[in-house]
C-alpha cells in the first residue's frame, strides 16, 4: 500500500491507518493463538505477533512523520524515537518470522491441508 501511495503521490498516513488496525488485530490473534497453544513454541510465536503488531501500530505515526517531514527544518527527538521503535520492531519481527518459518515449513510439508 505504501508503494502505491508513493507512486500515486498520495499521503502515506492512509496506509498507516490500515497498518494500525492490522497491528491491533495481530495482537488479538497472537494472544489467542498463545492461549490456545497453537504451536510447539508458543513464546516465540507470541513474540512474533507482538513484534508484528507493534510494527503495524508504529507504522501510523511513522507515515505521519514522513508526510510532515518535508515541511520541517528540524526533527524532534520524539519523532526520532518513534522511527527507531518502528525500525526495531520491523527488524525483530522479520527475524522472528524467519525463525518461525524455519521450524514450521517442514511440519507443514509433512501434513498438507
N, C-alpha and C. Protein backbone atom coordinates (compact mmCIF):
# COMPACT_ATOMS: atom_id res chain seq x y z
N UNK A 1 0.81 -1.19 0.00
CA UNK A 1 0.00 0.00 0.00
C UNK A 1 0.86 1.26 0.00
N UNK A 2 1.94 1.21 0.76
CA UNK A 2 2.80 2.39 0.83
C UNK A 2 3.46 2.65 -0.52
N UNK A 3 3.87 1.59 -1.21
CA UNK A 3 4.48 1.77 -2.53
C UNK A 3 3.49 2.38 -3.52
N UNK A 4 2.23 1.95 -3.45
CA UNK A 4 1.21 2.52 -4.33
C UNK A 4 0.96 3.98 -3.97
N UNK A 5 0.89 4.28 -2.66
CA UNK A 5 0.68 5.67 -2.23
C UNK A 5 1.82 6.57 -2.68
N UNK A 6 3.05 6.07 -2.59
CA UNK A 6 4.20 6.86 -3.05
C UNK A 6 4.12 7.05 -4.57
N UNK A 7 3.79 5.97 -5.28
CA UNK A 7 3.69 6.04 -6.73
C UNK A 7 2.61 6.99 -7.20
N UNK A 8 1.52 7.09 -6.45
CA UNK A 8 0.41 7.98 -6.83
C UNK A 8 0.54 9.36 -6.18
N UNK A 9 1.64 9.58 -5.48
CA UNK A 9 1.91 10.85 -4.80
C UNK A 9 0.80 11.23 -3.82
N UNK A 10 0.36 10.23 -3.07
CA UNK A 10 -0.66 10.43 -2.04
C UNK A 10 0.01 10.46 -0.67
N UNK A 11 -0.75 10.90 0.31
CA UNK A 11 -0.24 10.90 1.68
C UNK A 11 -0.10 9.45 2.16
N UNK A 12 0.96 9.18 2.92
CA UNK A 12 1.21 7.83 3.42
C UNK A 12 0.35 7.49 4.63
N UNK A 13 -0.21 8.51 5.29
CA UNK A 13 -0.94 8.26 6.52
C UNK A 13 -2.16 7.37 6.31
N UNK A 14 -2.73 7.34 5.11
CA UNK A 14 -3.88 6.47 4.87
C UNK A 14 -3.45 5.00 4.94
N UNK A 15 -2.28 4.70 4.42
CA UNK A 15 -1.73 3.34 4.54
C UNK A 15 -1.39 3.05 6.00
N UNK A 16 -0.93 4.07 6.71
CA UNK A 16 -0.59 3.91 8.12
C UNK A 16 -1.80 3.57 8.97
N UNK A 17 -2.96 4.12 8.64
CA UNK A 17 -4.19 3.82 9.39
C UNK A 17 -4.55 2.35 9.22
N UNK A 18 -4.44 1.82 8.01
CA UNK A 18 -4.72 0.41 7.76
C UNK A 18 -3.73 -0.46 8.54
N UNK A 19 -2.46 -0.07 8.55
CA UNK A 19 -1.44 -0.82 9.28
C UNK A 19 -1.71 -0.78 10.79
N UNK A 20 -2.19 0.36 11.29
CA UNK A 20 -2.54 0.48 12.71
C UNK A 20 -3.59 -0.55 13.09
N UNK A 21 -4.65 -0.65 12.31
CA UNK A 21 -5.70 -1.61 12.62
C UNK A 21 -5.23 -3.05 12.43
N UNK A 22 -4.38 -3.29 11.44
CA UNK A 22 -3.81 -4.62 11.26
C UNK A 22 -2.94 -5.00 12.46
N UNK A 23 -2.23 -4.02 13.01
CA UNK A 23 -1.42 -4.27 14.20
C UNK A 23 -2.27 -4.62 15.40
N UNK A 24 -3.39 -3.93 15.56
CA UNK A 24 -4.29 -4.24 16.68
C UNK A 24 -4.89 -5.65 16.52
N UNK A 25 -5.23 -6.02 15.30
CA UNK A 25 -5.76 -7.36 15.05
C UNK A 25 -4.68 -8.41 15.30
N UNK A 26 -3.43 -8.10 14.95
CA UNK A 26 -2.34 -9.06 15.17
C UNK A 26 -2.13 -9.32 16.65
N UNK A 27 -2.28 -8.31 17.50
CA UNK A 27 -2.16 -8.53 18.95
C UNK A 27 -3.24 -9.51 19.41
N UNK A 28 -4.46 -9.27 18.98
CA UNK A 28 -5.58 -10.15 19.36
C UNK A 28 -5.33 -11.58 18.88
N UNK A 29 -4.91 -11.72 17.63
CA UNK A 29 -4.65 -13.03 17.05
C UNK A 29 -3.51 -13.75 17.79
N UNK A 30 -2.43 -13.04 18.05
CA UNK A 30 -1.28 -13.64 18.72
C UNK A 30 -1.59 -14.08 20.14
N UNK A 31 -2.34 -13.28 20.88
CA UNK A 31 -2.69 -13.65 22.25
C UNK A 31 -3.60 -14.87 22.26
N UNK A 32 -4.57 -14.90 21.35
CA UNK A 32 -5.46 -16.07 21.28
C UNK A 32 -4.71 -17.33 20.86
N UNK A 33 -3.80 -17.21 19.91
CA UNK A 33 -3.01 -18.37 19.48
C UNK A 33 -2.13 -18.86 20.62
N UNK A 34 -1.58 -17.92 21.40
CA UNK A 34 -0.75 -18.29 22.55
C UNK A 34 -1.60 -19.01 23.61
N UNK A 35 -2.75 -18.47 23.93
CA UNK A 35 -3.60 -19.07 24.95
C UNK A 35 -4.13 -20.44 24.52
N UNK A 36 -4.36 -20.62 23.22
CA UNK A 36 -4.84 -21.91 22.71
C UNK A 36 -3.71 -22.89 22.43
N UNK A 37 -2.46 -22.45 22.67
CA UNK A 37 -1.26 -23.28 22.46
C UNK A 37 -1.26 -23.91 21.04
N UNK A 38 -1.29 -23.02 20.05
CA UNK A 38 -1.39 -23.44 18.65
C UNK A 38 -0.06 -23.88 18.05
N UNK A 39 1.02 -23.84 18.83
CA UNK A 39 2.33 -24.19 18.30
C UNK A 39 3.16 -24.85 19.39
N UNK A 40 4.24 -25.48 18.98
CA UNK A 40 5.12 -26.13 19.95
C UNK A 40 6.03 -25.12 20.66
N UNK A 41 6.18 -23.93 20.11
CA UNK A 41 6.96 -22.88 20.77
C UNK A 41 6.09 -21.62 20.88
N UNK A 42 5.18 -21.61 21.86
CA UNK A 42 4.22 -20.51 21.95
C UNK A 42 4.85 -19.15 22.29
N UNK A 43 5.95 -19.14 23.03
CA UNK A 43 6.58 -17.86 23.37
C UNK A 43 7.15 -17.19 22.12
N UNK A 44 7.79 -17.97 21.25
CA UNK A 44 8.34 -17.41 20.02
C UNK A 44 7.22 -16.88 19.12
N UNK A 45 6.12 -17.63 19.05
CA UNK A 45 5.01 -17.18 18.22
C UNK A 45 4.37 -15.92 18.80
N UNK A 46 4.22 -15.86 20.12
CA UNK A 46 3.68 -14.67 20.75
C UNK A 46 4.59 -13.47 20.50
N UNK A 47 5.89 -13.68 20.62
CA UNK A 47 6.85 -12.62 20.32
C UNK A 47 6.74 -12.15 18.87
N UNK A 48 6.55 -13.10 17.97
CA UNK A 48 6.39 -12.77 16.55
C UNK A 48 5.18 -11.87 16.34
N UNK A 49 4.05 -12.25 16.89
CA UNK A 49 2.83 -11.45 16.70
C UNK A 49 2.89 -10.12 17.43
N UNK A 50 3.52 -10.08 18.58
CA UNK A 50 3.67 -8.80 19.28
C UNK A 50 4.58 -7.87 18.48
N UNK A 51 5.68 -8.41 17.95
CA UNK A 51 6.58 -7.58 17.14
C UNK A 51 5.88 -7.07 15.88
N UNK A 52 5.13 -7.95 15.21
CA UNK A 52 4.39 -7.51 14.03
C UNK A 52 3.32 -6.49 14.39
N UNK A 53 2.65 -6.69 15.52
CA UNK A 53 1.60 -5.75 15.91
C UNK A 53 2.19 -4.39 16.27
N UNK A 54 3.31 -4.38 16.98
CA UNK A 54 3.94 -3.10 17.30
C UNK A 54 4.44 -2.39 16.04
N UNK A 55 4.93 -3.16 15.09
CA UNK A 55 5.35 -2.57 13.83
C UNK A 55 4.15 -1.95 13.11
N UNK A 56 3.03 -2.66 13.10
CA UNK A 56 1.83 -2.11 12.48
C UNK A 56 1.33 -0.87 13.18
N UNK A 57 1.33 -0.91 14.51
CA UNK A 57 0.86 0.24 15.29
C UNK A 57 1.78 1.44 15.07
N UNK A 58 3.08 1.22 15.05
CA UNK A 58 4.02 2.33 14.88
C UNK A 58 4.16 2.76 13.42
N UNK A 59 3.54 2.03 12.49
CA UNK A 59 3.56 2.47 11.10
C UNK A 59 2.75 3.75 10.93
N UNK A 60 1.65 3.87 11.67
CA UNK A 60 0.83 5.08 11.53
C UNK A 60 1.60 6.35 11.90
N UNK A 61 2.20 6.43 13.11
CA UNK A 61 2.95 7.66 13.38
C UNK A 61 4.16 7.83 12.45
N UNK A 62 4.72 6.73 11.99
CA UNK A 62 5.85 6.83 11.05
C UNK A 62 5.41 7.46 9.74
N UNK A 63 4.24 7.05 9.24
CA UNK A 63 3.75 7.64 8.00
C UNK A 63 3.38 9.12 8.20
N UNK A 64 2.86 9.44 9.38
CA UNK A 64 2.58 10.85 9.68
C UNK A 64 3.87 11.67 9.66
N UNK A 65 4.91 11.11 10.25
CA UNK A 65 6.20 11.81 10.28
C UNK A 65 6.70 12.05 8.86
N UNK A 66 6.62 11.02 8.02
CA UNK A 66 7.11 11.19 6.65
C UNK A 66 6.24 12.14 5.84
N UNK A 67 4.94 12.21 6.16
CA UNK A 67 4.08 13.18 5.48
C UNK A 67 4.40 14.61 5.90
N UNK A 68 4.76 14.81 7.17
CA UNK A 68 5.00 16.14 7.70
C UNK A 68 6.46 16.57 7.58
N UNK A 69 7.38 15.62 7.44
CA UNK A 69 8.81 15.90 7.49
C UNK A 69 9.31 16.90 6.45
N UNK A 70 8.86 16.84 5.18
CA UNK A 70 9.42 17.79 4.21
C UNK A 70 9.19 19.26 4.58
N UNK A 71 8.16 19.56 5.37
CA UNK A 71 7.91 20.94 5.75
C UNK A 71 8.63 21.37 7.00
N UNK A 72 9.35 20.46 7.64
CA UNK A 72 10.03 20.77 8.90
C UNK A 72 11.52 20.90 8.68
N UNK A 73 12.11 21.85 9.37
CA UNK A 73 13.56 22.03 9.32
C UNK A 73 14.27 21.06 10.26
N UNK A 74 13.70 20.89 11.46
CA UNK A 74 14.36 20.09 12.49
C UNK A 74 13.41 18.97 12.93
N UNK A 75 13.96 17.77 13.08
CA UNK A 75 13.18 16.62 13.51
C UNK A 75 13.27 16.53 15.04
N UNK A 76 12.11 16.38 15.69
CA UNK A 76 12.12 16.32 17.15
C UNK A 76 12.65 14.98 17.64
N UNK A 77 13.05 14.94 18.90
CA UNK A 77 13.56 13.70 19.49
C UNK A 77 12.45 12.66 19.60
N UNK A 78 11.20 13.09 19.82
CA UNK A 78 10.08 12.16 19.89
C UNK A 78 9.89 11.47 18.55
N UNK A 79 9.96 12.20 17.46
CA UNK A 79 9.81 11.61 16.14
C UNK A 79 10.93 10.61 15.88
N UNK A 80 12.13 10.97 16.28
CA UNK A 80 13.26 10.06 16.10
C UNK A 80 13.05 8.79 16.90
N UNK A 81 12.55 8.91 18.13
CA UNK A 81 12.27 7.74 18.96
C UNK A 81 11.22 6.85 18.31
N UNK A 82 10.15 7.44 17.77
CA UNK A 82 9.11 6.67 17.10
C UNK A 82 9.69 5.92 15.91
N UNK A 83 10.53 6.58 15.13
CA UNK A 83 11.15 5.92 13.98
C UNK A 83 12.07 4.78 14.39
N UNK A 84 12.82 4.97 15.48
CA UNK A 84 13.71 3.92 15.97
C UNK A 84 12.89 2.72 16.44
N UNK A 85 11.82 2.96 17.18
CA UNK A 85 10.96 1.86 17.64
C UNK A 85 10.35 1.13 16.46
N UNK A 86 9.92 1.88 15.46
CA UNK A 86 9.36 1.27 14.25
C UNK A 86 10.36 0.34 13.59
N UNK A 87 11.59 0.82 13.38
CA UNK A 87 12.60 0.00 12.69
C UNK A 87 13.04 -1.19 13.53
N UNK A 88 13.14 -1.02 14.84
CA UNK A 88 13.48 -2.15 15.71
C UNK A 88 12.39 -3.21 15.62
N UNK A 89 11.13 -2.78 15.69
CA UNK A 89 10.02 -3.72 15.58
C UNK A 89 10.02 -4.43 14.24
N UNK A 90 10.32 -3.71 13.19
CA UNK A 90 10.35 -4.31 11.86
C UNK A 90 11.45 -5.36 11.75
N UNK A 91 12.62 -5.05 12.26
CA UNK A 91 13.74 -6.00 12.19
C UNK A 91 13.50 -7.21 13.08
N UNK A 92 13.02 -6.98 14.30
CA UNK A 92 12.75 -8.10 15.22
C UNK A 92 11.66 -9.00 14.65
N UNK A 93 10.60 -8.42 14.11
CA UNK A 93 9.52 -9.25 13.57
C UNK A 93 10.00 -10.04 12.35
N UNK A 94 10.86 -9.46 11.53
CA UNK A 94 11.39 -10.19 10.38
C UNK A 94 12.24 -11.37 10.81
N UNK A 95 13.08 -11.16 11.83
CA UNK A 95 13.92 -12.26 12.33
C UNK A 95 13.06 -13.35 12.96
N UNK A 96 12.08 -12.97 13.77
CA UNK A 96 11.20 -13.97 14.38
C UNK A 96 10.37 -14.71 13.33
N UNK A 97 9.94 -14.02 12.28
CA UNK A 97 9.20 -14.68 11.21
C UNK A 97 10.08 -15.70 10.50
N UNK A 98 11.33 -15.35 10.28
CA UNK A 98 12.25 -16.28 9.63
C UNK A 98 12.49 -17.51 10.51
N UNK A 99 12.70 -17.29 11.81
CA UNK A 99 12.92 -18.42 12.72
C UNK A 99 11.68 -19.30 12.82
N UNK A 100 10.52 -18.69 12.87
CA UNK A 100 9.27 -19.46 12.93
C UNK A 100 9.08 -20.25 11.65
N UNK A 101 9.38 -19.65 10.51
CA UNK A 101 9.23 -20.34 9.23
C UNK A 101 10.19 -21.53 9.12
N UNK A 102 11.40 -21.35 9.64
CA UNK A 102 12.37 -22.46 9.58
C UNK A 102 11.83 -23.67 10.32
N UNK A 103 11.15 -23.45 11.45
CA UNK A 103 10.59 -24.55 12.22
C UNK A 103 9.28 -25.05 11.63
N UNK A 104 8.47 -24.18 11.06
CA UNK A 104 7.12 -24.54 10.65
C UNK A 104 7.04 -25.17 9.27
N UNK A 105 7.88 -24.76 8.35
CA UNK A 105 7.76 -25.22 6.97
C UNK A 105 7.90 -26.75 6.86
N UNK A 106 8.90 -27.37 7.47
CA UNK A 106 8.98 -28.84 7.34
C UNK A 106 7.73 -29.57 7.85
N UNK A 107 7.17 -29.09 8.96
CA UNK A 107 5.96 -29.72 9.50
C UNK A 107 4.76 -29.51 8.58
N UNK A 108 4.68 -28.34 7.98
CA UNK A 108 3.58 -28.07 7.09
C UNK A 108 3.69 -28.91 5.80
N UNK A 109 4.91 -29.18 5.38
CA UNK A 109 5.09 -30.01 4.19
C UNK A 109 4.77 -31.47 4.45
N UNK A 110 4.96 -31.92 5.68
CA UNK A 110 4.64 -33.31 6.03
C UNK A 110 3.13 -33.55 6.06
N UNK A 111 2.38 -32.54 6.46
CA UNK A 111 0.92 -32.68 6.60
C UNK A 111 0.24 -31.56 5.83
N UNK A 112 0.15 -31.69 4.51
CA UNK A 112 -0.52 -30.63 3.74
C UNK A 112 -2.02 -30.62 4.04
N UNK A 113 -2.67 -29.48 3.83
CA UNK A 113 -4.11 -29.40 4.14
C UNK A 113 -4.97 -30.26 3.26
